[in-house]
Amino acid sequence: MAYDENQASRLRHALRGADHVEEIKMFGGLCFMLKGHMLGGVGFGGLIFRVGKGNMAAALARPGAAPMTMKRGVAMGGMAKVDPAACDDARLDEWIALARKNALAPPPKTKRAKK
């Protein structure tokens, strides 16, 4: 599954200047990581944000939001899929802020040495 490069560009632009952000291709999409923790990305037909299980009810109350599900319909806990048509630039910034709060809650991950 290819991801929407226009939406990826929107996320890149919204995250410009942020420290410790990296892009990783994952699950046929593009993920943005913050200090080693998933912040969000593009794939599965929309924007994806990792908001955390405790924030899911509030996240799903937002326009265009739904639980993110894998191919077999299994919901991924703490992950919200957002319809890009319902996510203007101001809302995109709000989604990023919510996901950033979740990503910064645990300590930063350190990369393991390769064997």
PDB file of N, CA and C in Angstrom:
ATOM      1  N   MET A   1       0.848  -1.172   0.000  1.00  0.00           N
ATOM      2  CA  MET A   1       0.000   0.000   0.000  1.00  0.00           C
ATOM      3  C   MET A   1       0.900   1.244   0.000  1.00  0.00           C
ATOM      4  N   ALA A   2       0.697   2.091  -0.941  1.00  0.00           N
ATOM      5  CA  ALA A   2       1.470   3.327  -1.017  1.00  0.00           C
ATOM      6  C   ALA A   2       0.803   4.392  -0.150  1.00  0.00           C
ATOM      7  N   TYR A   3       1.608   5.288   0.368  1.00  0.00           N
ATOM      8  CA  TYR A   3       1.048   6.372   1.174  1.00  0.00           C
ATOM      9  C   TYR A   3       0.928   7.623   0.317  1.00  0.00           C
ATOM     10  N   ASP A   4       0.125   8.558   0.777  1.00  0.00           N
ATOM     11  CA  ASP A   4      -0.135   9.795   0.061  1.00  0.00           C
ATOM     12  C   ASP A   4       1.025  10.776   0.321  1.00  0.00           C
ATOM     13  N   GLU A   5       1.817  11.029  -0.685  1.00  0.00           N
ATOM     14  CA  GLU A   5       2.976  11.905  -0.533  1.00  0.00           C
ATOM     15  C   GLU A   5       2.561  13.334  -0.194  1.00  0.00           C
ATOM     16  N   ASN A   6       1.395  13.784  -0.656  1.00  0.00           N
ATOM     17  CA  ASN A   6       0.932  15.130  -0.309  1.00  0.00           C
ATOM     18  C   ASN A   6       0.704  15.251   1.196  1.00  0.00           C
ATOM     19  N   GLN A   7       0.116  14.208   1.790  1.00  0.00           N
ATOM     20  CA  GLN A   7      -0.114  14.226   3.241  1.00  0.00           C
ATOM     21  C   GLN A   7       1.213  14.107   3.997  1.00  0.00           C
ATOM     22  N   ALA A   8       2.129  13.320   3.459  1.00  0.00           N
ATOM     23  CA  ALA A   8       3.460  13.216   4.070  1.00  0.00           C
ATOM     24  C   ALA A   8       4.145  14.582   4.069  1.00  0.00           C
ATOM     25  N   SER A   9       4.018  15.319   2.988  1.00  0.00           N
ATOM     26  CA  SER A   9       4.601  16.660   2.894  1.00  0.00           C
ATOM     27  C   SER A   9       3.966  17.606   3.909  1.00  0.00           C
ATOM     28  N   ARG A  10       2.649  17.478   4.108  1.00  0.00           N
ATOM     29  CA  ARG A  10       1.974  18.306   5.118  1.00  0.00           C
ATOM     30  C   ARG A  10       2.548  18.033   6.503  1.00  0.00           C
ATOM     31  N   LEU A  11       2.743  16.754   6.827  1.00  0.00           N
ATOM     32  CA  LEU A  11       3.299  16.413   8.135  1.00  0.00           C
ATOM     33  C   LEU A  11       4.733  16.914   8.267  1.00  0.00           C
ATOM     34  N   ARG A  12       5.533  16.721   7.224  1.00  0.00           N
ATOM     35  CA  ARG A  12       6.914  17.218   7.251  1.00  0.00           C
ATOM     36  C   ARG A  12       6.948  18.725   7.517  1.00  0.00           C
ATOM     37  N   HIS A  13       6.071  19.439   6.801  1.00  0.00           N
ATOM     38  CA  HIS A  13       6.016  20.890   6.950  1.00  0.00           C
ATOM     39  C   HIS A  13       5.594  21.274   8.373  1.00  0.00           C
ATOM     40  N   ALA A  14       4.597  20.589   8.912  1.00  0.00           N
ATOM     41  CA  ALA A  14       4.112  20.888  10.264  1.00  0.00           C
ATOM     42  C   ALA A  14       5.153  20.551  11.329  1.00  0.00           C
ATOM     43  N   LEU A  15       6.013  19.581  11.051  1.00  0.00           N
ATOM     44  CA  LEU A  15       7.041  19.157  12.018  1.00  0.00           C
ATOM     45  C   LEU A  15       8.392  19.830  11.798  1.00  0.00           C
ATOM     46  N   ARG A  16       8.487  20.707  10.797  1.00  0.00           N
ATOM     47  CA  ARG A  16       9.772  21.338  10.497  1.00  0.00           C
ATOM     48  C   ARG A  16      10.289  22.068  11.745  1.00  0.00           C
ATOM     49  N   GLY A  17      11.559  21.955  11.943  1.00  0.00           N
ATOM     50  CA  GLY A  17      12.182  22.613  13.081  1.00  0.00           C
ATOM     51  C   GLY A  17      12.090  21.841  14.384  1.00  0.00           C
ATOM     52  N   ALA A  18      11.300  20.778  14.420  1.00  0.00           N
ATOM     53  CA  ALA A  18      11.184  19.982  15.646  1.00  0.00           C
ATOM     54  C   ALA A  18      12.434  19.127  15.809  1.00  0.00           C
ATOM     55  N   ASP A  19      12.963  19.093  17.003  1.00  0.00           N
ATOM     56  CA  ASP A  19      14.147  18.289  17.285  1.00  0.00           C
ATOM     57  C   ASP A  19      13.779  16.825  17.456  1.00  0.00           C
ATOM     58  N   HIS A  20      14.715  15.956  17.117  1.00  0.00           N
ATOM     59  CA  HIS A  20      14.610  14.518  17.369  1.00  0.00           C
ATOM     60  C   HIS A  20      13.464  13.850  16.611  1.00  0.00           C
ATOM     61  N   VAL A  21      13.124  14.347  15.421  1.00  0.00           N
ATOM     62  CA  VAL A  21      12.093  13.729  14.589  1.00  0.00           C
ATOM     63  C   VAL A  21      12.779  13.016  13.437  1.00  0.00           C
ATOM     64  N   GLU A  22      12.377  11.775  13.203  1.00  0.00           N
ATOM     65  CA  GLU A  22      12.904  11.041  12.056  1.00  0.00           C
ATOM     66  C   GLU A  22      11.761  10.334  11.340  1.00  0.00           C
ATOM     67  N   GLU A  23      11.974  10.078  10.064  1.00  0.00           N
ATOM     68  CA  GLU A  23      10.993   9.385   9.232  1.00  0.00           C
ATOM     69  C   GLU A  23      11.439   7.939   9.043  1.00  0.00           C
ATOM     70  N   ILE A  24      10.466   7.031   9.128  1.00  0.00           N
ATOM     71  CA  ILE A  24      10.749   5.618   8.903  1.00  0.00           C
ATOM     72  C   ILE A  24       9.606   5.040   8.077  1.00  0.00           C
ATOM     73  N   LYS A  25       9.955   4.342   7.000  1.00  0.00           N
ATOM     74  CA  LYS A  25       8.928   3.637   6.235  1.00  0.00           C
ATOM     75  C   LYS A  25       8.561   2.381   7.012  1.00  0.00           C
ATOM     76  N   MET A  26       7.257   2.202   7.231  1.00  0.00           N
ATOM     77  CA  MET A  26       6.795   1.106   8.061  1.00  0.00           C
ATOM     78  C   MET A  26       5.376   0.709   7.648  1.00  0.00           C
ATOM     79  N   PHE A  27       5.105  -0.573   7.562  1.00  0.00           N
ATOM     80  CA  PHE A  27       3.777  -1.105   7.256  1.00  0.00           C
ATOM     81  C   PHE A  27       3.192  -0.526   5.973  1.00  0.00           C
ATOM     82  N   GLY A  28       4.041  -0.225   4.999  1.00  0.00           N
ATOM     83  CA  GLY A  28       3.568   0.326   3.736  1.00  0.00           C
ATOM     84  C   GLY A  28       3.247   1.806   3.810  1.00  0.00           C
ATOM     85  N   GLY A  29       3.532   2.423   4.945  1.00  0.00           N
ATOM     86  CA  GLY A  29       3.282   3.847   5.127  1.00  0.00           C
ATOM     87  C   GLY A  29       4.556   4.552   5.534  1.00  0.00           C
ATOM     88  N   LEU A  30       4.394   5.754   6.018  1.00  0.00           N
ATOM     89  CA  LEU A  30       5.521   6.549   6.478  1.00  0.00           C
ATOM     90  C   LEU A  30       5.224   7.003   7.897  1.00  0.00           C
ATOM     91  N   CYS A  31       6.120   6.676   8.826  1.00  0.00           N
ATOM     92  CA  CYS A  31       5.954   7.044  10.226  1.00  0.00           C
ATOM     93  C   CYS A  31       6.928   8.147  10.597  1.00  0.00           C
ATOM     94  N   PHE A  32       6.484   9.009  11.474  1.00  0.00           N
ATOM     95  CA  PHE A  32       7.331  10.040  12.036  1.00  0.00           C
ATOM     96  C   PHE A  32       7.541   9.686  13.496  1.00  0.00           C
ATOM     97  N   MET A  33       8.812   9.576  13.864  1.00  0.00           N
ATOM     98  CA  MET A  33       9.188   9.185  15.216  1.00  0.00           C
ATOM     99  C   MET A  33       9.742  10.407  15.949  1.00  0.00           C
ATOM    100  N   LEU A  34       9.409  10.506  17.227  1.00  0.00           N
ATOM    101  CA  LEU A  34       9.910  11.576  18.069  1.00  0.00           C
ATOM    102  C   LEU A  34      10.641  10.942  19.243  1.00  0.00           C
ATOM    103  N   LYS A  35      11.939  11.134  19.293  1.00  0.00           N
ATOM    104  CA  LYS A  35      12.784  10.537  20.332  1.00  0.00           C
ATOM    105  C   LYS A  35      12.575   9.027  20.424  1.00  0.00           C
ATOM    106  N   GLY A  36      12.406   8.398  19.268  1.00  0.00           N
ATOM    107  CA  GLY A  36      12.265   6.947  19.214  1.00  0.00           C
ATOM    108  C   GLY A  36      10.864   6.428  19.401  1.00  0.00           C
ATOM    109  N   HIS A  37       9.905   7.305  19.673  1.00  0.00           N
ATOM    110  CA  HIS A  37       8.520   6.892  19.862  1.00  0.00           C
ATOM    111  C   HIS A  37       7.669   7.373  18.692  1.00  0.00           C
ATOM    112  N   MET A  38       6.729   6.548  18.261  1.00  0.00           N
ATOM    113  CA  MET A  38       5.894   6.923  17.123  1.00  0.00           C
ATOM    114  C   MET A  38       5.008   8.111  17.469  1.00  0.00           C
ATOM    115  N   LEU A  39       5.062   9.106  16.621  1.00  0.00           N
ATOM    116  CA  LEU A  39       4.234  10.298  16.754  1.00  0.00           C
ATOM    117  C   LEU A  39       3.012  10.175  15.854  1.00  0.00           C
ATOM    118  N   GLY A  40       3.245   9.830  14.610  1.00  0.00           N
ATOM    119  CA  GLY A  40       2.159   9.714  13.648  1.00  0.00           C
ATOM    120  C   GLY A  40       2.718   9.344  12.301  1.00  0.00           C
ATOM    121  N   GLY A  41       1.869   9.463  11.298  1.00  0.00           N
ATOM    122  CA  GLY A  41       2.333   9.126   9.971  1.00  0.00           C
ATOM    123  C   GLY A  41       1.237   9.200   8.941  1.00  0.00           C
ATOM    124  N   VAL A  42       1.525   8.577   7.811  1.00  0.00           N
ATOM    125  CA  VAL A  42       0.610   8.555   6.680  1.00  0.00           C
ATOM    126  C   VAL A  42       0.506   7.121   6.192  1.00  0.00           C
ATOM    127  N   GLY A  43      -0.696   6.656   6.010  1.00  0.00           N
ATOM    128  CA  GLY A  43      -0.930   5.309   5.501  1.00  0.00           C
ATOM    129  C   GLY A  43      -2.330   4.846   5.836  1.00  0.00           C
ATOM    130  N   PHE A  44      -2.673   3.670   5.382  1.00  0.00           N
ATOM    131  CA  PHE A  44      -3.989   3.100   5.653  1.00  0.00           C
ATOM    132  C   PHE A  44      -5.112   4.051   5.231  1.00  0.00           C
ATOM    133  N   GLY A  45      -4.858   4.835   4.194  1.00  0.00           N
ATOM    134  CA  GLY A  45      -5.882   5.721   3.644  1.00  0.00           C
ATOM    135  C   GLY A  45      -6.100   7.007   4.404  1.00  0.00           C
ATOM    136  N   GLY A  46      -5.158   7.400   5.250  1.00  0.00           N
ATOM    137  CA  GLY A  46      -5.335   8.649   5.983  1.00  0.00           C
ATOM    138  C   GLY A  46      -4.107   9.024   6.761  1.00  0.00           C
ATOM    139  N   LEU A  47      -4.305   9.982   7.636  1.00  0.00           N
ATOM    140  CA  LEU A  47      -3.264  10.370   8.577  1.00  0.00           C
ATOM    141  C   LEU A  47      -3.407   9.479   9.801  1.00  0.00           C
ATOM    142  N   ILE A  48      -2.314   9.168  10.451  1.00  0.00           N
ATOM    143  CA  ILE A  48      -2.323   8.295  11.615  1.00  0.00           C
ATOM    144  C   ILE A  48      -1.612   9.019  12.743  1.00  0.00           C
ATOM    145  N   PHE A  49      -2.201   8.968  13.939  1.00  0.00           N
ATOM    146  CA  PHE A  49      -1.573   9.578  15.099  1.00  0.00           C
ATOM    147  C   PHE A  49      -1.630   8.619  16.270  1.00  0.00           C
ATOM    148  N   ARG A  50      -0.506   8.492  16.965  1.00  0.00           N
ATOM    149  CA  ARG A  50      -0.471   7.671  18.168  1.00  0.00           C
ATOM    150  C   ARG A  50      -0.762   8.601  19.342  1.00  0.00           C
ATOM    151  N   VAL A  51      -1.986   8.521  19.843  1.00  0.00           N
ATOM    152  CA  VAL A  51      -2.436   9.425  20.900  1.00  0.00           C
ATOM    153  C   VAL A  51      -2.412   8.780  22.271  1.00  0.00           C
ATOM    154  N   GLY A  52      -2.282   7.465  22.324  1.00  0.00           N
ATOM    155  CA  GLY A  52      -2.289   6.750  23.594  1.00  0.00           C
ATOM    156  C   GLY A  52      -3.686   6.278  23.958  1.00  0.00           C
ATOM    157  N   LYS A  53      -3.741   5.172  24.636  1.00  0.00           N
ATOM    158  CA  LYS A  53      -5.035   4.576  24.992  1.00  0.00           C
ATOM    159  C   LYS A  53      -5.875   5.497  25.860  1.00  0.00           C
ATOM    160  N   GLY A  54      -5.236   6.243  26.753  1.00  0.00           N
ATOM    161  CA  GLY A  54      -5.977   7.141  27.638  1.00  0.00           C
ATOM    162  C   GLY A  54      -6.594   8.339  26.932  1.00  0.00           C
ATOM    163  N   ASN A  55      -6.133   8.651  25.729  1.00  0.00           N
ATOM    164  CA  ASN A  55      -6.647   9.795  24.972  1.00  0.00           C
ATOM    165  C   ASN A  55      -7.563   9.402  23.821  1.00  0.00           C
ATOM    166  N   MET A  56      -7.840   8.100  23.678  1.00  0.00           N
ATOM    167  CA  MET A  56      -8.615   7.642  22.518  1.00  0.00           C
ATOM    168  C   MET A  56     -10.032   8.197  22.483  1.00  0.00           C
ATOM    169  N   ALA A  57     -10.726   8.235  23.611  1.00  0.00           N
ATOM    170  CA  ALA A  57     -12.112   8.735  23.613  1.00  0.00           C
ATOM    171  C   ALA A  57     -12.156  10.180  23.125  1.00  0.00           C
ATOM    172  N   ALA A  58     -11.262  11.009  23.633  1.00  0.00           N
ATOM    173  CA  ALA A  58     -11.219  12.414  23.201  1.00  0.00           C
ATOM    174  C   ALA A  58     -10.818  12.518  21.733  1.00  0.00           C
ATOM    175  N   ALA A  59      -9.876  11.685  21.319  1.00  0.00           N
ATOM    176  CA  ALA A  59      -9.424  11.720  19.925  1.00  0.00           C
ATOM    177  C   ALA A  59     -10.548  11.321  18.975  1.00  0.00           C
ATOM    178  N   LEU A  60     -11.294  10.286  19.336  1.00  0.00           N
ATOM    179  CA  LEU A  60     -12.357   9.807  18.448  1.00  0.00           C
ATOM    180  C   LEU A  60     -13.548  10.755  18.390  1.00  0.00           C
ATOM    181  N   ALA A  61     -13.639  11.687  19.329  1.00  0.00           N
ATOM    182  CA  ALA A  61     -14.703  12.689  19.303  1.00  0.00           C
ATOM    183  C   ALA A  61     -14.409  13.812  18.309  1.00  0.00           C
ATOM    184  N   ARG A  62     -13.196  13.860  17.800  1.00  0.00           N
ATOM    185  CA  ARG A  62     -12.810  14.897  16.839  1.00  0.00           C
ATOM    186  C   ARG A  62     -13.328  14.558  15.446  1.00  0.00           C
ATOM    187  N   PRO A  63     -13.563  15.586  14.629  1.00  0.00           N
ATOM    188  CA  PRO A  63     -14.058  15.352  13.268  1.00  0.00           C
ATOM    189  C   PRO A  63     -13.092  14.506  12.438  1.00  0.00           C
ATOM    190  N   GLY A  64     -13.638  13.533  11.731  1.00  0.00           N
ATOM    191  CA  GLY A  64     -12.860  12.721  10.804  1.00  0.00           C
ATOM    192  C   GLY A  64     -12.021  11.631  11.434  1.00  0.00           C
ATOM    193  N   ALA A  65     -12.131  11.427  12.748  1.00  0.00           N
ATOM    194  CA  ALA A  65     -11.300  10.447  13.441  1.00  0.00           C
ATOM    195  C   ALA A  65     -12.008   9.099  13.566  1.00  0.00           C
ATOM    196  N   ALA A  66     -11.206   8.041  13.521  1.00  0.00           N
ATOM    197  CA  ALA A  66     -11.687   6.671  13.700  1.00  0.00           C
ATOM    198  C   ALA A  66     -10.539   5.851  14.284  1.00  0.00           C
ATOM    199  N   PRO A  67     -10.860   4.724  14.911  1.00  0.00           N
ATOM    200  CA  PRO A  67      -9.762   3.870  15.377  1.00  0.00           C
ATOM    201  C   PRO A  67      -8.977   3.347  14.180  1.00  0.00           C
ATOM    202  N   MET A  68      -7.672   3.260  14.304  1.00  0.00           N
ATOM    203  CA  MET A  68      -6.873   2.698  13.223  1.00  0.00           C
ATOM    204  C   MET A  68      -6.949   1.181  13.314  1.00  0.00           C
ATOM    205  N   THR A  69      -7.249   0.573  12.192  1.00  0.00           N
ATOM    206  CA  THR A  69      -7.340  -0.886  12.165  1.00  0.00           C
ATOM    207  C   THR A  69      -6.382  -1.445  11.123  1.00  0.00           C
ATOM    208  N   MET A  70      -5.898  -2.630  11.410  1.00  0.00           N
ATOM    209  CA  MET A  70      -5.034  -3.338  10.471  1.00  0.00           C
ATOM    210  C   MET A  70      -5.923  -4.060   9.450  1.00  0.00           C
ATOM    211  N   LYS A  71      -5.315  -4.793   8.535  1.00  0.00           N
ATOM    212  CA  LYS A  71      -6.044  -5.431   7.439  1.00  0.00           C
ATOM    213  C   LYS A  71      -7.210  -6.294   7.893  1.00  0.00           C
ATOM    214  N   ARG A  72      -7.040  -7.031   8.955  1.00  0.00           N
ATOM    215  CA  ARG A  72      -8.087  -7.955   9.390  1.00  0.00           C
ATOM    216  C   ARG A  72      -9.091  -7.304  10.335  1.00  0.00           C
ATOM    217  N   GLY A  73      -9.082  -5.993  10.418  1.00  0.00           N
ATOM    218  CA  GLY A  73     -10.039  -5.286  11.241  1.00  0.00           C
ATOM    219  C   GLY A  73      -9.668  -5.186  12.710  1.00  0.00           C
ATOM    220  N   VAL A  74      -8.449  -5.538  13.037  1.00  0.00           N
ATOM    221  CA  VAL A  74      -7.999  -5.468  14.423  1.00  0.00           C
ATOM    222  C   VAL A  74      -7.574  -4.028  14.722  1.00  0.00           C
ATOM    223  N   ALA A  75      -8.212  -3.435  15.731  1.00  0.00           N
ATOM    224  CA  ALA A  75      -7.880  -2.058  16.109  1.00  0.00           C
ATOM    225  C   ALA A  75      -6.548  -2.028  16.841  1.00  0.00           C
ATOM    226  N   MET A  76      -5.762  -1.027  16.536  1.00  0.00           N
ATOM    227  CA  MET A  76      -4.484  -0.825  17.228  1.00  0.00           C
ATOM    228  C   MET A  76      -4.717   0.164  18.362  1.00  0.00           C
ATOM    229  N   GLY A  77      -4.540  -0.304  19.585  1.00  0.00           N
ATOM    230  CA  GLY A  77      -4.801   0.527  20.756  1.00  0.00           C
ATOM    231  C   GLY A  77      -3.996   1.812  20.756  1.00  0.00           C
ATOM    232  N   GLY A  78      -4.667   2.896  21.050  1.00  0.00           N
ATOM    233  CA  GLY A  78      -3.991   4.185  21.153  1.00  0.00           C
ATOM    234  C   GLY A  78      -3.684   4.861  19.840  1.00  0.00           C
ATOM    235  N   MET A  79      -4.154   4.267  18.731  1.00  0.00           N
ATOM    236  CA  MET A  79      -3.870   4.807  17.402  1.00  0.00           C
ATOM    237  C   MET A  79      -5.158   5.305  16.753  1.00  0.00           C
ATOM    238  N   ALA A  80      -5.131   6.544  16.263  1.00  0.00           N
ATOM    239  CA  ALA A  80      -6.279   7.130  15.583  1.00  0.00           C
ATOM    240  C   ALA A  80      -5.938   7.390  14.124  1.00  0.00           C
ATOM    241  N   LYS A  81      -6.896   7.082  13.249  1.00  0.00           N
ATOM    242  CA  LYS A  81      -6.771   7.394  11.819  1.00  0.00           C
ATOM    243  C   LYS A  81      -7.648   8.610  11.564  1.00  0.00           C
ATOM    244  N   VAL A  82      -7.123   9.564  10.820  1.00  0.00           N
ATOM    245  CA  VAL A  82      -7.831  10.814  10.576  1.00  0.00           C
ATOM    246  C   VAL A  82      -7.994  11.031   9.076  1.00  0.00           C
ATOM    247  N   ASP A  83      -9.206  11.336   8.673  1.00  0.00           N
ATOM    248  CA  ASP A  83      -9.498  11.648   7.283  1.00  0.00           C
ATOM    249  C   ASP A  83      -8.847  12.987   6.946  1.00  0.00           C
ATOM    250  N   PRO A  84      -7.931  13.022   5.983  1.00  0.00           N
ATOM    251  CA  PRO A  84      -7.257  14.278   5.644  1.00  0.00           C
ATOM    252  C   PRO A  84      -8.221  15.398   5.254  1.00  0.00           C
ATOM    253  N   ALA A  85      -9.366  15.061   4.684  1.00  0.00           N
ATOM    254  CA  ALA A  85     -10.338  16.087   4.291  1.00  0.00           C
ATOM    255  C   ALA A  85     -10.924  16.802   5.508  1.00  0.00           C
ATOM    256  N   ALA A  86     -10.884  16.143   6.675  1.00  0.00           N
ATOM    257  CA  ALA A  86     -11.420  16.735   7.901  1.00  0.00           C
ATOM    258  C   ALA A  86     -10.314  17.342   8.760  1.00  0.00           C
ATOM    259  N   CYS A  87      -9.130  17.497   8.177  1.00  0.00           N
ATOM    260  CA  CYS A  87      -7.974  17.920   8.965  1.00  0.00           C
ATOM    261  C   CYS A  87      -7.252  19.072   8.268  1.00  0.00           C
ATOM    262  N   ASP A  88      -7.759  20.298   8.509  1.00  0.00           N
ATOM    263  CA  ASP A  88      -7.064  21.462   7.954  1.00  0.00           C
ATOM    264  C   ASP A  88      -5.768  21.684   8.737  1.00  0.00           C
ATOM    265  N   ASP A  89      -5.014  22.703   8.392  1.00  0.00           N
ATOM    266  CA  ASP A  89      -3.704  22.910   9.015  1.00  0.00           C
ATOM    267  C   ASP A  89      -3.802  23.148  10.519  1.00  0.00           C
ATOM    268  N   ALA A  90      -4.820  23.882  10.974  1.00  0.00           N
ATOM    269  CA  ALA A  90      -4.977  24.123  12.417  1.00  0.00           C
ATOM    270  C   ALA A  90      -5.270  22.812  13.144  1.00  0.00           C
ATOM    271  N   ARG A  91      -6.148  21.996  12.576  1.00  0.00           N
ATOM    272  CA  ARG A  91      -6.455  20.701  13.201  1.00  0.00           C
ATOM    273  C   ARG A  91      -5.246  19.777  13.150  1.00  0.00           C
ATOM    274  N   LEU A  92      -4.477  19.842  12.076  1.00  0.00           N
ATOM    275  CA  LEU A  92      -3.267  19.031  11.980  1.00  0.00           C
ATOM    276  C   LEU A  92      -2.317  19.374  13.132  1.00  0.00           C
ATOM    277  N   ASP A  93      -2.164  20.656  13.411  1.00  0.00           N
ATOM    278  CA  ASP A  93      -1.315  21.074  14.531  1.00  0.00           C
ATOM    279  C   ASP A  93      -1.856  20.547  15.858  1.00  0.00           C
ATOM    280  N   GLU A  94      -3.178  20.514  16.017  1.00  0.00           N
ATOM    281  CA  GLU A  94      -3.783  19.988  17.249  1.00  0.00           C
ATOM    282  C   GLU A  94      -3.516  18.489  17.390  1.00  0.00           C
ATOM    283  N   TRP A  95      -3.634  17.754  16.287  1.00  0.00           N
ATOM    284  CA  TRP A  95      -3.355  16.317  16.315  1.00  0.00           C
ATOM    285  C   TRP A  95      -1.884  16.070  16.659  1.00  0.00           C
ATOM    286  N   ILE A  96      -1.000  16.842  16.072  1.00  0.00           N
ATOM    287  CA  ILE A  96       0.427  16.684  16.352  1.00  0.00           C
ATOM    288  C   ILE A  96       0.709  16.975  17.821  1.00  0.00           C
ATOM    289  N   ALA A  97       0.084  18.001  18.368  1.00  0.00           N
ATOM    290  CA  ALA A  97       0.295  18.334  19.783  1.00  0.00           C
ATOM    291  C   ALA A  97      -0.160  17.194  20.689  1.00  0.00           C
ATOM    292  N   LEU A  98      -1.297  16.593  20.374  1.00  0.00           N
ATOM    293  CA  LEU A  98      -1.800  15.472  21.171  1.00  0.00           C
ATOM    294  C   LEU A  98      -0.860  14.273  21.068  1.00  0.00           C
ATOM    295  N   ALA A  99      -0.407  13.977  19.863  1.00  0.00           N
ATOM    296  CA  ALA A  99       0.509  12.851  19.663  1.00  0.00           C
ATOM    297  C   ALA A  99       1.879  13.133  20.286  1.00  0.00           C
ATOM    298  N   ARG A 100       2.330  14.374  20.225  1.00  0.00           N
ATOM    299  CA  ARG A 100       3.617  14.753  20.813  1.00  0.00           C
ATOM    300  C   ARG A 100       3.579  14.550  22.331  1.00  0.00           C
ATOM    301  N   LYS A 101       2.484  14.935  22.946  1.00  0.00           N
ATOM    302  CA  LYS A 101       2.332  14.751  24.395  1.00  0.00           C
ATOM    303  C   LYS A 101       2.455  13.271  24.754  1.00  0.00           C
ATOM    304  N   ASN A 102       1.837  12.419  23.960  1.00  0.00           N
ATOM    305  CA  ASN A 102       1.912  10.980  24.192  1.00  0.00           C
ATOM    306  C   ASN A 102       3.320  10.449  23.950  1.00  0.00           C
ATOM    307  N   ALA A 103       3.966  10.916  22.886  1.00  0.00           N
ATOM    308  CA  ALA A 103       5.305  10.419  22.537  1.00  0.00           C
ATOM    309  C   ALA A 103       6.361  10.849  23.554  1.00  0.00           C
ATOM    310  N   LEU A 104       6.156  11.991  24.192  1.00  0.00           N
ATOM    311  CA  LEU A 104       7.145  12.484  25.143  1.00  0.00           C
ATOM    312  C   LEU A 104       6.912  11.982  26.566  1.00  0.00           C
ATOM    313  N   ALA A 105       5.809  11.279  26.807  1.00  0.00           N
ATOM    314  CA  ALA A 105       5.509  10.782  28.146  1.00  0.00           C
ATOM    315  C   ALA A 105       6.545   9.762  28.636  1.00  0.00           C
ATOM    316  N   PRO A 106       6.889   8.728  27.858  1.00  0.00           N
ATOM    317  CA  PRO A 106       7.927   7.792  28.322  1.00  0.00           C
ATOM    318  C   PRO A 106       9.324   8.356  28.066  1.00  0.00           C
ATOM    319  N   PRO A 107      10.334   7.777  28.711  1.00  0.00           N
ATOM    320  CA  PRO A 107      11.701   8.245  28.442  1.00  0.00           C
ATOM    321  C   PRO A 107      12.102   7.956  26.994  1.00  0.00           C
ATOM    322  N   PRO A 108      13.043   8.738  26.447  1.00  0.00           N
ATOM    323  CA  PRO A 108      13.492   8.490  25.073  1.00  0.00           C
ATOM    324  C   PRO A 108      14.064   7.087  24.923  1.00  0.00           C
ATOM    325  N   LYS A 109      13.819   6.494  23.770  1.00  0.00           N
ATOM    326  CA  LYS A 109      14.385   5.176  23.483  1.00  0.00           C
ATOM    327  C   LYS A 109      15.818   5.354  23.025  1.00  0.00           C
ATOM    328  N   THR A 110      16.628   4.390  23.363  1.00  0.00           N
ATOM    329  CA  THR A 110      17.998   4.393  22.881  1.00  0.00           C
ATOM    330  C   THR A 110      18.139   3.277  21.880  1.00  0.00           C
ATOM    331  N   LYS A 111      18.962   3.499  20.871  1.00  0.00           N
ATOM    332  CA  LYS A 111      19.157   2.472  19.857  1.00  0.00           C
ATOM    333  C   LYS A 111      20.066   1.386  20.416  1.00  0.00           C
ATOM    334  N   ARG A 112      19.680   0.147  20.149  1.00  0.00           N
ATOM    335  CA  ARG A 112      20.484  -0.996  20.588  1.00  0.00           C
ATOM    336  C   ARG A 112      21.668  -1.198  19.662  1.00  0.00           C
ATOM    337  N   ALA A 113      22.744  -1.652  20.224  1.00  0.00           N
ATOM    338  CA  ALA A 113      23.919  -1.962  19.410  1.00  0.00           C
ATOM    339  C   ALA A 113      23.629  -3.212  18.573  1.00  0.00           C
ATOM    340  N   LYS A 114      24.030  -3.198  17.316  1.00  0.00           N
ATOM    341  CA  LYS A 114      23.820  -4.345  16.446  1.00  0.00           C
ATOM    342  C   LYS A 114      24.794  -5.466  16.829  1.00  0.00           C
ATOM    343  N   LYS A 115      24.286  -6.669  16.792  1.00  0.00           N
ATOM    344  CA  LYS A 115      25.120  -7.833  17.121  1.00  0.00           C
ATOM    345  C   LYS A 115      25.974  -8.234  15.953  1.00  0.00           C
TER     346      LYS A 115
END
